[in-house]
Amino acid sequence: MQKEQLLNLLDQQARDAFEGAKQIALEKGGLLTPLHVVLSILQSPLLGSVEDQVWSLLQAARKAIDAKDYKGAVGHLTKAVQELPNDADAHSMLGYAYRKTNVFDKSMEHYQRALKLDSNHRYAHEYLGELYLDMNQPDNAEKQLAALKKACPFFGKCEEYEDLKKAIDAYKAKKK
C-alpha cells in the first residue's frame, strides 16, 4: 500500500500528527521515527485543549458540589466522562453527584465503572458503600468497607475507611 493510500485511511487529526512528525524529523535532519510521531502528538494544540476543557469541567463540578448544586455537577461531570471515559476519578465524582440527587441507578453505574477502571479507588468504595446504605443494603456497604480495608495503604486505616465505618455505625444505631 502506498503512503498516500495509508494517509487517506487516517482521519484529519492523524494526518496532521503525521505531517507534524515529518516536520520534526526534517528539522532534526534525520529519518522519520515513531518518536517524532509521539512528539508531534504531544505538541498538538488539540491535546492540550481537551485536557484543559476536562480540567475546567472538573473544577466547575467541584465548585458545584461544594455549593451543593449537585444537578449542576452532574452536567459538568457528564461532559467530563464523555471526554475522558476511562477516568476513574471523574466517574466516582459523577456517581457521588447522582447519589446526592437520589438517582441511585446512575450513581451505581458510575461507581461500578470507577471500580472497573481502578479496583482500589478508595472514594468509589466509600461512596458506593454510602449508596448501599441509602438503598438499605448494609451488608453490601460492609463489603465495600472490607474492600477499603484492603485498599487503604496504612494497614486498613485511611480517611475513606473511617468515614464509611462511621456511616455504617450510624446506620446501624438508627435501625435499633
Protein backbone atom coordinates (compact mmCIF):
# COMPACT_ATOMS: atom_id res chain seq x y z
CA MET A 1 0.00 0.00 0.00
CA GLN A 2 1.34 3.43 -0.94
CA LYS A 3 1.91 6.20 1.60
CA GLU A 4 -0.93 8.27 0.10
CA GLN A 5 -3.35 5.35 0.39
CA LEU A 6 -2.41 4.87 4.03
CA LEU A 7 -2.83 8.58 4.77
CA ASN A 8 -6.29 8.52 3.18
CA LEU A 9 -7.33 5.88 5.72
CA LEU A 10 -6.43 8.17 8.61
CA ASP A 11 -8.64 10.90 9.99
CA GLN A 12 -7.60 14.55 9.75
CA GLN A 13 -6.06 14.63 13.23
CA ALA A 14 -3.90 11.61 12.47
CA ARG A 15 -2.80 13.14 9.14
CA ASP A 16 -1.93 16.38 10.94
CA ALA A 17 0.09 14.44 13.52
CA PHE A 18 1.92 12.59 10.75
CA GLU A 19 2.69 15.84 8.94
CA GLY A 20 3.92 17.34 12.20
CA ALA A 21 6.13 14.33 12.76
CA LYS A 22 7.61 14.70 9.27
CA GLN A 23 8.36 18.35 10.03
CA ILE A 24 10.10 17.47 13.31
CA ALA A 25 12.15 14.80 11.51
CA LEU A 26 13.17 17.30 8.82
CA GLU A 27 14.17 19.86 11.45
CA LYS A 28 16.30 17.25 13.19
CA GLY A 29 17.84 16.21 9.86
CA GLY A 30 17.02 12.56 10.28
CA LEU A 31 14.66 9.79 9.43
CA LEU A 32 11.02 9.78 10.49
CA THR A 33 10.73 7.63 13.62
CA PRO A 34 7.88 6.72 15.97
CA LEU A 35 9.40 9.17 18.47
CA HIS A 36 8.76 12.00 16.01
CA VAL A 37 5.11 10.98 15.79
CA VAL A 38 4.80 10.95 19.60
CA LEU A 39 6.45 14.39 19.85
CA SER A 40 4.09 15.73 17.21
CA ILE A 41 1.02 14.44 19.05
CA LEU A 42 2.26 15.85 22.35
CA GLN A 43 2.73 19.25 20.72
CA SER A 44 -0.74 19.15 19.22
CA PRO A 45 -2.93 22.04 20.41
CA LEU A 46 -5.92 19.67 20.40
CA LEU A 47 -4.42 17.50 23.13
CA GLY A 48 -3.93 20.45 25.44
CA SER A 49 -7.34 21.87 24.72
CA VAL A 50 -9.17 18.63 25.60
CA GLU A 51 -7.21 18.27 28.83
CA ASP A 52 -7.83 21.94 29.63
CA GLN A 53 -11.55 21.54 28.92
CA VAL A 54 -11.82 18.48 31.15
CA TRP A 55 -9.82 20.16 33.90
CA SER A 56 -12.19 23.15 33.72
CA LEU A 57 -15.20 20.81 33.87
CA LEU A 58 -13.83 19.01 36.93
CA GLN A 59 -13.09 22.31 38.69
CA ALA A 60 -16.59 23.59 37.90
CA ALA A 61 -18.05 20.31 39.19
CA ARG A 62 -16.09 20.59 42.45
CA LYS A 63 -17.37 24.13 42.93
CA ALA A 64 -20.93 22.98 42.23
CA ILE A 65 -20.58 20.12 44.73
CA ASP A 66 -19.16 22.49 47.36
CA ALA A 67 -22.21 24.72 46.76
CA LYS A 68 -24.48 21.65 46.99
CA ASP A 69 -25.56 22.22 43.37
CA TYR A 70 -25.48 18.52 42.55
CA LYS A 71 -27.53 18.83 39.35
CA GLY A 72 -25.02 21.36 38.06
CA ALA A 73 -22.20 18.99 39.00
CA VAL A 74 -23.91 16.16 37.09
CA GLY A 75 -23.89 18.33 33.96
CA HIS A 76 -20.19 19.18 34.22
CA LEU A 77 -19.16 15.64 35.11
CA THR A 78 -21.23 14.05 32.37
CA LYS A 79 -19.27 16.13 29.85
CA ALA A 80 -16.01 15.22 31.58
CA VAL A 81 -16.61 11.46 31.37
CA GLN A 82 -17.62 11.83 27.73
CA GLU A 83 -14.23 13.38 27.03
CA LEU A 84 -12.27 11.04 29.32
CA PRO A 85 -14.32 7.83 29.60
CA ASN A 86 -11.52 5.96 31.37
CA ASP A 87 -11.04 8.45 34.22
CA ALA A 88 -11.98 6.71 37.48
CA ASP A 89 -11.99 9.96 39.46
CA ALA A 90 -14.50 11.60 37.12
CA HIS A 91 -16.77 8.53 37.26
CA SER A 92 -16.57 8.43 41.05
CA MET A 93 -17.43 12.14 41.29
CA LEU A 94 -20.32 11.67 38.86
CA GLY A 95 -21.60 8.76 40.94
CA TYR A 96 -21.44 10.98 44.01
CA ALA A 97 -23.36 13.80 42.32
CA TYR A 98 -26.03 11.37 41.09
CA ARG A 99 -26.34 9.88 44.60
CA LYS A 100 -26.87 13.32 46.06
CA THR A 101 -29.71 13.89 43.57
CA ASN A 102 -31.24 10.50 44.51
CA VAL A 103 -30.61 8.99 41.08
CA PHE A 104 -29.31 5.76 42.53
CA ASP A 105 -29.17 3.65 39.35
CA LYS A 106 -26.89 6.16 37.60
CA SER A 107 -24.87 6.57 40.78
CA MET A 108 -24.34 2.81 40.97
CA GLU A 109 -23.38 2.69 37.28
CA HIS A 110 -20.63 5.30 37.69
CA TYR A 111 -19.23 3.92 40.94
CA GLN A 112 -19.01 0.49 39.33
CA ARG A 113 -17.34 1.99 36.26
CA ALA A 114 -14.79 3.76 38.50
CA LEU A 115 -14.06 0.48 40.28
CA LYS A 116 -13.76 -1.38 36.99
CA LEU A 117 -11.13 1.17 35.95
CA ASP A 118 -9.39 1.16 39.34
CA SER A 119 -10.38 -1.65 41.70
CA ASN A 120 -8.70 0.12 44.63
CA HIS A 121 -10.32 3.53 44.10
CA ARG A 122 -10.93 4.46 47.71
CA TYR A 123 -13.50 7.21 47.14
CA ALA A 124 -15.54 4.94 44.85
CA HIS A 125 -15.57 2.22 47.52
CA GLU A 126 -16.54 4.69 50.25
CA TYR A 127 -19.29 6.36 48.23
CA LEU A 128 -20.61 3.06 46.89
CA GLY A 129 -20.86 1.86 50.50
CA GLU A 130 -22.81 5.01 51.37
CA LEU A 131 -25.08 4.41 48.36
CA TYR A 132 -25.79 0.91 49.64
CA LEU A 133 -26.77 2.41 53.00
CA ASP A 134 -29.08 4.87 51.18
CA MET A 135 -30.61 1.83 49.48
CA ASN A 136 -30.98 -0.05 52.81
CA GLN A 137 -28.36 -2.65 51.89
CA PRO A 138 -25.98 -2.58 54.86
CA ASP A 139 -24.45 -5.97 54.01
CA ASN A 140 -23.24 -4.60 50.68
CA ALA A 141 -21.94 -1.49 52.47
CA GLU A 142 -19.92 -3.81 54.74
CA LYS A 143 -18.42 -5.43 51.64
CA GLN A 144 -17.21 -2.02 50.49
CA LEU A 145 -15.74 -1.42 53.95
CA ALA A 146 -13.84 -4.71 53.65
CA ALA A 147 -12.59 -3.68 50.20
CA LEU A 148 -11.45 -0.37 51.65
CA LYS A 149 -9.54 -2.15 54.39
CA LYS A 150 -7.51 -3.85 51.66
CA ALA A 151 -7.17 -0.70 49.54
CA CYS A 152 -6.00 1.63 52.31
CA PRO A 153 -2.22 1.90 52.49
CA PHE A 154 -1.85 2.07 56.28
CA PHE A 155 -2.96 -1.37 57.44
CA GLY A 156 -6.56 -0.67 56.53
CA LYS A 157 -6.60 2.81 58.00
CA CYS A 158 -7.46 5.78 55.83
CA GLU A 159 -9.97 8.60 55.84
CA GLU A 160 -12.32 6.83 53.41
CA TYR A 161 -12.39 3.71 55.60
CA GLU A 162 -13.08 5.73 58.74
CA ASP A 163 -15.83 7.76 57.03
CA LEU A 164 -17.63 4.68 55.73
CA LYS A 165 -17.27 2.91 59.10
CA LYS A 166 -18.89 5.92 60.84
CA ALA A 167 -21.72 5.94 58.27
CA ILE A 168 -22.34 2.20 58.79
CA ASP A 169 -22.26 2.58 62.58
CA ALA A 170 -24.72 5.49 62.39
CA TYR A 171 -26.99 3.47 60.07
CA LYS A 172 -26.99 0.54 62.49
CA ALA A 173 -27.67 2.78 65.51
CA LYS A 174 -30.61 4.36 63.70
CA LYS A 175 -32.08 0.94 62.89
CA LYS A 176 -32.03 -0.25 66.52
